[in-house]
Amino acid sequence: MIRIVRMPGNGGVQLDPTGKLSGRGAYLHENLSCWEAALQGNRLAQALKTQLSPEEREMLAAHMTELAKAPTTTDDGVH
C-alpha cells in the first residue's frame, strides 16, 4: 500500500511511500482499480479533507499510469 498525504498548511498533496510524512493521509493498494476508484469523483479529496489541484490530480494520475504498466499482482480484496 502507498500513502497519499495532505501536508500541513499549504503543503499540498504528495505521495508518501515511506508512510512517515506528517499530515492527513489515505492509503491505497498498488492496484490500478483502487487508484481509479479513488481518483474518480472526489473520494480521495474527501478522505484527505481537501480539494485536489489540477497539478495534484496530474501527479496522481501519472502514478496510476505507472501502475498500469507494472506487472499485475493478485488483489486480496481488502480495501
PDB file of N, CA and C in Angstrom:
ATOM      1  N   MET A   1       0.851  -1.179   0.000  1.00  0.00           N
ATOM      2  CA  MET A   1       0.000   0.000   0.000  1.00  0.00           C
ATOM      3  C   MET A   1       0.891   1.234   0.000  1.00  0.00           C
ATOM      4  N   ILE A   2       0.356   2.280  -0.566  1.00  0.00           N
ATOM      5  CA  ILE A   2       1.082   3.541  -0.577  1.00  0.00           C
ATOM      6  C   ILE A   2       0.216   4.617   0.064  1.00  0.00           C
ATOM      7  N   ARG A   3       0.859   5.475   0.796  1.00  0.00           N
ATOM      8  CA  ARG A   3       0.157   6.557   1.495  1.00  0.00           C
ATOM      9  C   ARG A   3       0.211   7.812   0.642  1.00  0.00           C
ATOM     10  N   ILE A   4      -0.913   8.493   0.609  1.00  0.00           N
ATOM     11  CA  ILE A   4      -1.014   9.809  -0.003  1.00  0.00           C
ATOM     12  C   ILE A   4      -1.307  10.748   1.146  1.00  0.00           C
ATOM     13  N   VAL A   5      -0.578  11.840   1.237  1.00  0.00           N
ATOM     14  CA  VAL A   5      -0.684  12.707   2.404  1.00  0.00           C
ATOM     15  C   VAL A   5      -0.984  14.145   1.997  1.00  0.00           C
ATOM     16  N   ARG A   6      -1.858  14.774   2.788  1.00  0.00           N
ATOM     17  CA  ARG A   6      -2.084  16.219   2.679  1.00  0.00           C
ATOM     18  C   ARG A   6      -1.177  16.849   3.715  1.00  0.00           C
ATOM     19  N   MET A   7      -0.202  17.589   3.245  1.00  0.00           N
ATOM     20  CA  MET A   7       0.788  18.192   4.129  1.00  0.00           C
ATOM     21  C   MET A   7       0.150  19.323   4.938  1.00  0.00           C
ATOM     22  N   PRO A   8       0.657  19.577   6.146  1.00  0.00           N
ATOM     23  CA  PRO A   8       0.127  20.668   6.965  1.00  0.00           C
ATOM     24  C   PRO A   8       0.288  22.018   6.256  1.00  0.00           C
ATOM     25  N   GLY A   9      -0.595  22.939   6.583  1.00  0.00           N
ATOM     26  CA  GLY A   9      -0.542  24.262   5.968  1.00  0.00           C
ATOM     27  C   GLY A   9      -0.922  24.180   4.502  1.00  0.00           C
ATOM     28  N   ASN A  10      -0.167  24.834   3.672  1.00  0.00           N
ATOM     29  CA  ASN A  10      -0.416  24.806   2.228  1.00  0.00           C
ATOM     30  C   ASN A  10       0.579  23.914   1.508  1.00  0.00           C
ATOM     31  N   GLY A  11       0.980  22.840   2.155  1.00  0.00           N
ATOM     32  CA  GLY A  11       1.979  21.941   1.587  1.00  0.00           C
ATOM     33  C   GLY A  11       1.488  21.090   0.445  1.00  0.00           C
ATOM     34  N   GLY A  12       0.185  21.043   0.233  1.00  0.00           N
ATOM     35  CA  GLY A  12      -0.355  20.264  -0.870  1.00  0.00           C
ATOM     36  C   GLY A  12      -0.415  18.781  -0.583  1.00  0.00           C
ATOM     37  N   VAL A  13      -0.683  18.021  -1.628  1.00  0.00           N
ATOM     38  CA  VAL A  13      -0.838  16.572  -1.552  1.00  0.00           C
ATOM     39  C   VAL A  13       0.378  15.927  -2.201  1.00  0.00           C
ATOM     40  N   GLN A  14       0.911  14.899  -1.542  1.00  0.00           N
ATOM     41  CA  GLN A  14       2.102  14.210  -2.040  1.00  0.00           C
ATOM     42  C   GLN A  14       1.968  12.710  -1.838  1.00  0.00           C
ATOM     43  N   LEU A  15       2.695  11.957  -2.651  1.00  0.00           N
ATOM     44  CA  LEU A  15       2.850  10.530  -2.396  1.00  0.00           C
ATOM     45  C   LEU A  15       3.820  10.382  -1.234  1.00  0.00           C
ATOM     46  N   ASP A  16       3.540   9.439  -0.355  1.00  0.00           N
ATOM     47  CA  ASP A  16       4.392   9.212   0.818  1.00  0.00           C
ATOM     48  C   ASP A  16       4.736   7.728   0.906  1.00  0.00           C
ATOM     49  N   PRO A  17       5.658   7.255   0.062  1.00  0.00           N
ATOM     50  CA  PRO A  17       5.976   5.823   0.073  1.00  0.00           C
ATOM     51  C   PRO A  17       6.562   5.330   1.391  1.00  0.00           C
ATOM     52  N   THR A  18       7.146   6.223   2.190  1.00  0.00           N
ATOM     53  CA  THR A  18       7.709   5.810   3.480  1.00  0.00           C
ATOM     54  C   THR A  18       6.642   5.720   4.560  1.00  0.00           C
ATOM     55  N   GLY A  19       5.519   6.432   4.369  1.00  0.00           N
ATOM     56  CA  GLY A  19       4.463   6.455   5.377  1.00  0.00           C
ATOM     57  C   GLY A  19       4.811   7.278   6.595  1.00  0.00           C
ATOM     58  N   LYS A  20       5.823   8.132   6.489  1.00  0.00           N
ATOM     59  CA  LYS A  20       6.308   8.859   7.661  1.00  0.00           C
ATOM     60  C   LYS A  20       6.093  10.367   7.609  1.00  0.00           C
ATOM     61  N   LEU A  21       5.597  10.894   6.489  1.00  0.00           N
ATOM     62  CA  LEU A  21       5.371  12.334   6.415  1.00  0.00           C
ATOM     63  C   LEU A  21       4.229  12.723   7.344  1.00  0.00           C
ATOM     64  N   SER A  22       4.320  13.914   7.921  1.00  0.00           N
ATOM     65  CA  SER A  22       3.238  14.368   8.792  1.00  0.00           C
ATOM     66  C   SER A  22       2.117  14.934   7.933  1.00  0.00           C
ATOM     67  N   GLY A  23       0.915  14.811   8.427  1.00  0.00           N
ATOM     68  CA  GLY A  23      -0.256  15.309   7.719  1.00  0.00           C
ATOM     69  C   GLY A  23      -1.332  14.251   7.646  1.00  0.00           C
ATOM     70  N   ARG A  24      -2.480  14.637   7.132  1.00  0.00           N
ATOM     71  CA  ARG A  24      -3.614  13.725   6.995  1.00  0.00           C
ATOM     72  C   ARG A  24      -3.361  12.801   5.812  1.00  0.00           C
ATOM     73  N   GLY A  25      -3.494  11.512   6.022  1.00  0.00           N
ATOM     74  CA  GLY A  25      -3.161  10.562   4.967  1.00  0.00           C
ATOM     75  C   GLY A  25      -4.282   9.611   4.611  1.00  0.00           C
ATOM     76  N   ALA A  26      -4.134   9.012   3.451  1.00  0.00           N
ATOM     77  CA  ALA A  26      -5.030   7.963   2.973  1.00  0.00           C
ATOM     78  C   ALA A  26      -4.150   6.905   2.314  1.00  0.00           C
ATOM     79  N   TYR A  27      -4.521   5.649   2.459  1.00  0.00           N
ATOM     80  CA  TYR A  27      -3.738   4.550   1.901  1.00  0.00           C
ATOM     81  C   TYR A  27      -4.474   3.929   0.724  1.00  0.00           C
ATOM     82  N   LEU A  28      -3.705   3.603  -0.320  1.00  0.00           N
ATOM     83  CA  LEU A  28      -4.256   2.909  -1.485  1.00  0.00           C
ATOM     84  C   LEU A  28      -3.371   1.714  -1.808  1.00  0.00           C
ATOM     85  N   HIS A  29      -4.016   0.630  -2.248  1.00  0.00           N
ATOM     86  CA  HIS A  29      -3.256  -0.513  -2.745  1.00  0.00           C
ATOM     87  C   HIS A  29      -2.499  -0.085  -3.987  1.00  0.00           C
ATOM     88  N   GLU A  30      -1.395  -0.731  -4.253  1.00  0.00           N
ATOM     89  CA  GLU A  30      -0.667  -0.510  -5.511  1.00  0.00           C
ATOM     90  C   GLU A  30      -1.376  -1.340  -6.579  1.00  0.00           C
ATOM     91  N   ASN A  31      -2.606  -0.974  -6.828  1.00  0.00           N
ATOM     92  CA  ASN A  31      -3.509  -1.726  -7.683  1.00  0.00           C
ATOM     93  C   ASN A  31      -4.285  -0.711  -8.513  1.00  0.00           C
ATOM     94  N   LEU A  32      -4.279  -0.857  -9.812  1.00  0.00           N
ATOM     95  CA  LEU A  32      -4.883   0.121 -10.708  1.00  0.00           C
ATOM     96  C   LEU A  32      -6.346   0.387 -10.372  1.00  0.00           C
ATOM     97  N   SER A  33      -7.114  -0.641 -10.056  1.00  0.00           N
ATOM     98  CA  SER A  33      -8.544  -0.444  -9.788  1.00  0.00           C
ATOM     99  C   SER A  33      -8.775   0.407  -8.540  1.00  0.00           C
ATOM    100  N   CYS A  34      -7.925   0.281  -7.538  1.00  0.00           N
ATOM    101  CA  CYS A  34      -8.051   1.110  -6.334  1.00  0.00           C
ATOM    102  C   CYS A  34      -7.798   2.578  -6.663  1.00  0.00           C
ATOM    103  N   TRP A  35      -6.773   2.832  -7.478  1.00  0.00           N
ATOM    104  CA  TRP A  35      -6.439   4.210  -7.853  1.00  0.00           C
ATOM    105  C   TRP A  35      -7.536   4.819  -8.718  1.00  0.00           C
ATOM    106  N   GLU A  36      -8.087   4.031  -9.644  1.00  0.00           N
ATOM    107  CA  GLU A  36      -9.175   4.545 -10.480  1.00  0.00           C
ATOM    108  C   GLU A  36     -10.362   4.939  -9.616  1.00  0.00           C
ATOM    109  N   ALA A  37     -10.721   4.098  -8.657  1.00  0.00           N
ATOM    110  CA  ALA A  37     -11.851   4.395  -7.774  1.00  0.00           C
ATOM    111  C   ALA A  37     -11.580   5.626  -6.916  1.00  0.00           C
ATOM    112  N   ALA A  38     -10.362   5.761  -6.422  1.00  0.00           N
ATOM    113  CA  ALA A  38     -10.024   6.893  -5.551  1.00  0.00           C
ATOM    114  C   ALA A  38     -10.030   8.215  -6.304  1.00  0.00           C
ATOM    115  N   LEU A  39      -9.558   8.201  -7.547  1.00  0.00           N
ATOM    116  CA  LEU A  39      -9.480   9.440  -8.317  1.00  0.00           C
ATOM    117  C   LEU A  39     -10.788   9.787  -9.013  1.00  0.00           C
ATOM    118  N   GLN A  40     -11.683   8.813  -9.111  1.00  0.00           N
ATOM    119  CA  GLN A  40     -12.983   9.073  -9.714  1.00  0.00           C
ATOM    120  C   GLN A  40     -13.800   9.917  -8.744  1.00  0.00           C
ATOM    121  N   GLY A  41     -14.368  10.977  -9.233  1.00  0.00           N
ATOM    122  CA  GLY A  41     -15.140  11.855  -8.361  1.00  0.00           C
ATOM    123  C   GLY A  41     -14.240  12.493  -7.328  1.00  0.00           C
ATOM    124  N   ASN A  42     -14.691  12.534  -6.081  1.00  0.00           N
ATOM    125  CA  ASN A  42     -13.942  13.216  -5.021  1.00  0.00           C
ATOM    126  C   ASN A  42     -13.585  12.300  -3.860  1.00  0.00           C
ATOM    127  N   ARG A  43     -13.532  11.002  -4.071  1.00  0.00           N
ATOM    128  CA  ARG A  43     -13.276  10.076  -2.955  1.00  0.00           C
ATOM    129  C   ARG A  43     -11.974  10.378  -2.223  1.00  0.00           C
ATOM    130  N   LEU A  44     -10.894  10.535  -2.966  1.00  0.00           N
ATOM    131  CA  LEU A  44      -9.605  10.798  -2.332  1.00  0.00           C
ATOM    132  C   LEU A  44      -9.605  12.172  -1.679  1.00  0.00           C
ATOM    133  N   ALA A  45     -10.159  13.158  -2.357  1.00  0.00           N
ATOM    134  CA  ALA A  45     -10.232  14.511  -1.794  1.00  0.00           C
ATOM    135  C   ALA A  45     -11.020  14.502  -0.486  1.00  0.00           C
ATOM    136  N   GLN A  46     -12.104  13.737  -0.434  1.00  0.00           N
ATOM    137  CA  GLN A  46     -12.897  13.649   0.796  1.00  0.00           C
ATOM    138  C   GLN A  46     -12.093  12.991   1.909  1.00  0.00           C
ATOM    139  N   ALA A  47     -11.362  11.941   1.584  1.00  0.00           N
ATOM    140  CA  ALA A  47     -10.561  11.256   2.607  1.00  0.00           C
ATOM    141  C   ALA A  47      -9.476  12.173   3.163  1.00  0.00           C
ATOM    142  N   LEU A  48      -8.910  13.013   2.301  1.00  0.00           N
ATOM    143  CA  LEU A  48      -7.853  13.926   2.727  1.00  0.00           C
ATOM    144  C   LEU A  48      -8.401  15.254   3.242  1.00  0.00           C
ATOM    145  N   LYS A  49      -9.715  15.435   3.117  1.00  0.00           N
ATOM    146  CA  LYS A  49     -10.387  16.672   3.539  1.00  0.00           C
ATOM    147  C   LYS A  49      -9.758  17.898   2.882  1.00  0.00           C
ATOM    148  N   THR A  50      -9.625  17.820   1.556  1.00  0.00           N
ATOM    149  CA  THR A  50      -9.079  18.925   0.773  1.00  0.00           C
ATOM    150  C   THR A  50      -9.558  18.795  -0.665  1.00  0.00           C
ATOM    151  N   GLN A  51      -9.391  19.834  -1.429  1.00  0.00           N
ATOM    152  CA  GLN A  51      -9.636  19.777  -2.862  1.00  0.00           C
ATOM    153  C   GLN A  51      -8.302  19.511  -3.549  1.00  0.00           C
ATOM    154  N   LEU A  52      -8.295  18.607  -4.506  1.00  0.00           N
ATOM    155  CA  LEU A  52      -7.074  18.322  -5.247  1.00  0.00           C
ATOM    156  C   LEU A  52      -6.929  19.334  -6.372  1.00  0.00           C
ATOM    157  N   SER A  53      -5.755  19.946  -6.462  1.00  0.00           N
ATOM    158  CA  SER A  53      -5.489  20.888  -7.550  1.00  0.00           C
ATOM    159  C   SER A  53      -5.304  20.097  -8.846  1.00  0.00           C
ATOM    160  N   PRO A  54      -5.424  20.764  -9.984  1.00  0.00           N
ATOM    161  CA  PRO A  54      -5.157  20.068 -11.252  1.00  0.00           C
ATOM    162  C   PRO A  54      -3.750  19.457 -11.292  1.00  0.00           C
ATOM    163  N   GLU A  55      -2.778  20.135 -10.717  1.00  0.00           N
ATOM    164  CA  GLU A  55      -1.411  19.616 -10.695  1.00  0.00           C
ATOM    165  C   GLU A  55      -1.312  18.355  -9.836  1.00  0.00           C
ATOM    166  N   GLU A  56      -2.015  18.344  -8.697  1.00  0.00           N
ATOM    167  CA  GLU A  56      -2.003  17.164  -7.822  1.00  0.00           C
ATOM    168  C   GLU A  56      -2.698  15.991  -8.504  1.00  0.00           C
ATOM    169  N   ARG A  57      -3.821  16.259  -9.165  1.00  0.00           N
ATOM    170  CA  ARG A  57      -4.515  15.194  -9.901  1.00  0.00           C
ATOM    171  C   ARG A  57      -3.620  14.630 -11.004  1.00  0.00           C
ATOM    172  N   GLU A  58      -2.895  15.516 -11.674  1.00  0.00           N
ATOM    173  CA  GLU A  58      -1.992  15.082 -12.739  1.00  0.00           C
ATOM    174  C   GLU A  58      -0.873  14.200 -12.186  1.00  0.00           C
ATOM    175  N   MET A  59      -0.307  14.580 -11.043  1.00  0.00           N
ATOM    176  CA  MET A  59       0.755  13.799 -10.413  1.00  0.00           C
ATOM    177  C   MET A  59       0.235  12.415 -10.008  1.00  0.00           C
ATOM    178  N   LEU A  60      -0.955  12.365  -9.435  1.00  0.00           N
ATOM    179  CA  LEU A  60      -1.534  11.090  -9.014  1.00  0.00           C
ATOM    180  C   LEU A  60      -1.904  10.234 -10.222  1.00  0.00           C
ATOM    181  N   ALA A  61      -2.417  10.871 -11.275  1.00  0.00           N
ATOM    182  CA  ALA A  61      -2.749  10.140 -12.498  1.00  0.00           C
ATOM    183  C   ALA A  61      -1.485   9.571 -13.145  1.00  0.00           C
ATOM    184  N   ALA A  62      -0.377  10.304 -13.063  1.00  0.00           N
ATOM    185  CA  ALA A  62       0.891   9.802 -13.605  1.00  0.00           C
ATOM    186  C   ALA A  62       1.329   8.551 -12.848  1.00  0.00           C
ATOM    187  N   HIS A  63       1.154   8.554 -11.525  1.00  0.00           N
ATOM    188  CA  HIS A  63       1.495   7.361 -10.737  1.00  0.00           C
ATOM    189  C   HIS A  63       0.577   6.208 -11.133  1.00  0.00           C
ATOM    190  N   MET A  64      -0.703   6.507 -11.350  1.00  0.00           N
ATOM    191  CA  MET A  64      -1.657   5.482 -11.758  1.00  0.00           C
ATOM    192  C   MET A  64      -1.251   4.896 -13.112  1.00  0.00           C
ATOM    193  N   THR A  65      -0.769   5.735 -14.017  1.00  0.00           N
ATOM    194  CA  THR A  65      -0.307   5.265 -15.322  1.00  0.00           C
ATOM    195  C   THR A  65       0.871   4.312 -15.167  1.00  0.00           C
ATOM    196  N   GLU A  66       1.769   4.616 -14.238  1.00  0.00           N
ATOM    197  CA  GLU A  66       2.901   3.725 -13.972  1.00  0.00           C
ATOM    198  C   GLU A  66       2.417   2.379 -13.433  1.00  0.00           C
ATOM    199  N   LEU A  67       1.366   2.404 -12.620  1.00  0.00           N
ATOM    200  CA  LEU A  67       0.805   1.151 -12.104  1.00  0.00           C
ATOM    201  C   LEU A  67       0.260   0.301 -13.243  1.00  0.00           C
ATOM    202  N   ALA A  68      -0.346   0.963 -14.229  1.00  0.00           N
ATOM    203  CA  ALA A  68      -0.920   0.240 -15.360  1.00  0.00           C
ATOM    204  C   ALA A  68       0.169  -0.476 -16.160  1.00  0.00           C
ATOM    205  N   LYS A  69       1.377   0.077 -16.160  1.00  0.00           N
ATOM    206  CA  LYS A  69       2.496  -0.524 -16.891  1.00  0.00           C
ATOM    207  C   LYS A  69       3.147  -1.664 -16.113  1.00  0.00           C
ATOM    208  N   ALA A  70       2.969  -1.673 -14.793  1.00  0.00           N
ATOM    209  CA  ALA A  70       3.616  -2.671 -13.939  1.00  0.00           C
ATOM    210  C   ALA A  70       2.934  -4.027 -14.090  1.00  0.00           C
ATOM    211  N   PRO A  71       3.669  -5.111 -13.822  1.00  0.00           N
ATOM    212  CA  PRO A  71       3.058  -6.444 -13.846  1.00  0.00           C
ATOM    213  C   PRO A  71       1.914  -6.530 -12.837  1.00  0.00           C
ATOM    214  N   THR A  72       0.877  -7.240 -13.182  1.00  0.00           N
ATOM    215  CA  THR A  72      -0.296  -7.375 -12.323  1.00  0.00           C
ATOM    216  C   THR A  72      -0.003  -8.315 -11.163  1.00  0.00           C
ATOM    217  N   THR A  73      -0.473  -7.922  -9.967  1.00  0.00           N
ATOM    218  CA  THR A  73      -0.370  -8.784  -8.790  1.00  0.00           C
ATOM    219  C   THR A  73      -1.767  -9.164  -8.345  1.00  0.00           C
ATOM    220  N   THR A  74      -1.876 -10.185  -7.541  1.00  0.00           N
ATOM    221  CA  THR A  74      -3.164 -10.633  -7.036  1.00  0.00           C
ATOM    222  C   THR A  74      -3.658  -9.687  -5.961  1.00  0.00           C
ATOM    223  N   ASP A  75      -4.913  -9.294  -6.066  1.00  0.00           N
ATOM    224  CA  ASP A  75      -5.536  -8.426  -5.069  1.00  0.00           C
ATOM    225  C   ASP A  75      -6.243  -9.304  -4.051  1.00  0.00           C
ATOM    226  N   ASP A  76      -6.027  -9.013  -2.770  1.00  0.00           N
ATOM    227  CA  ASP A  76      -6.656  -9.825  -1.726  1.00  0.00           C
ATOM    228  C   ASP A  76      -8.093  -9.403  -1.457  1.00  0.00           C
ATOM    229  N   GLY A  77      -8.572  -8.355  -2.143  1.00  0.00           N
ATOM    230  CA  GLY A  77      -9.950  -7.924  -1.991  1.00  0.00           C
ATOM    231  C   GLY A  77     -10.203  -7.055  -0.787  1.00  0.00           C
ATOM    232  N   VAL A  78      -9.204  -6.793   0.032  1.00  0.00           N
ATOM    233  CA  VAL A  78      -9.372  -5.954   1.212  1.00  0.00           C
ATOM    234  C   VAL A  78      -9.016  -4.532   0.833  1.00  0.00           C
ATOM    235  N   HIS A  79      -9.938  -3.605   1.082  1.00  0.00           N
ATOM    236  CA  HIS A  79      -9.696  -2.199   0.735  1.00  0.00           C
ATOM    237  C   HIS A  79      -9.861  -1.343   1.949  1.00  0.00           C
TER     238      HIS A  79
END
